[in-house]
Amino acid sequence: QVQLVESGGGLVQAGGSLRLSCAASGRTFSSSFMGWFRQAPGKEREFVASINWSGGSRYYANSVKGRFTISRDNAKNTVYLQMNVLKPEDTAVYYCAAGRLGCSAYECYVKDRGYDYWGQGTQVTVSS
């Protein structure tokens, strides 16, 4: 079992910044790739960013590339999502997820089927 707890969401004006955190427990955190997804009202959940176990490989959705940065601190069992230059279209519930052990293909990192544990989500609202 893996427990994931997100924090850091809130209300921010367009152009502002937020940093999301996801604290993990229950499985060797440093063995897992981690990802962030989001779901806006009336839309399907979509990939935002992911990072491999060491932090040496990172992947981003085109919609956030250059504005968001994913990072991790294995000593703290925490993964972060720094979100800058936020736009109203970034409004969504953001979910942290832990990747399936042994799943290493690119699709594992960017598709939700590549993840087997999910947090409860944190709301991000960007006002115009």
Foldseek 3Di string as FASTA:
>chain_A
DKAKAKDWADEEAAQAKIKMKIAMDDDQLLQWKKFKWWDDPPGDIFGAKIAGSVRPDIDGDPVQPPFWDWDDDSVRRMIMIIGGRDDQVVWTWMKMFTFDRPDDDPCLGGPPVRTDDIYPTDTHGYHD
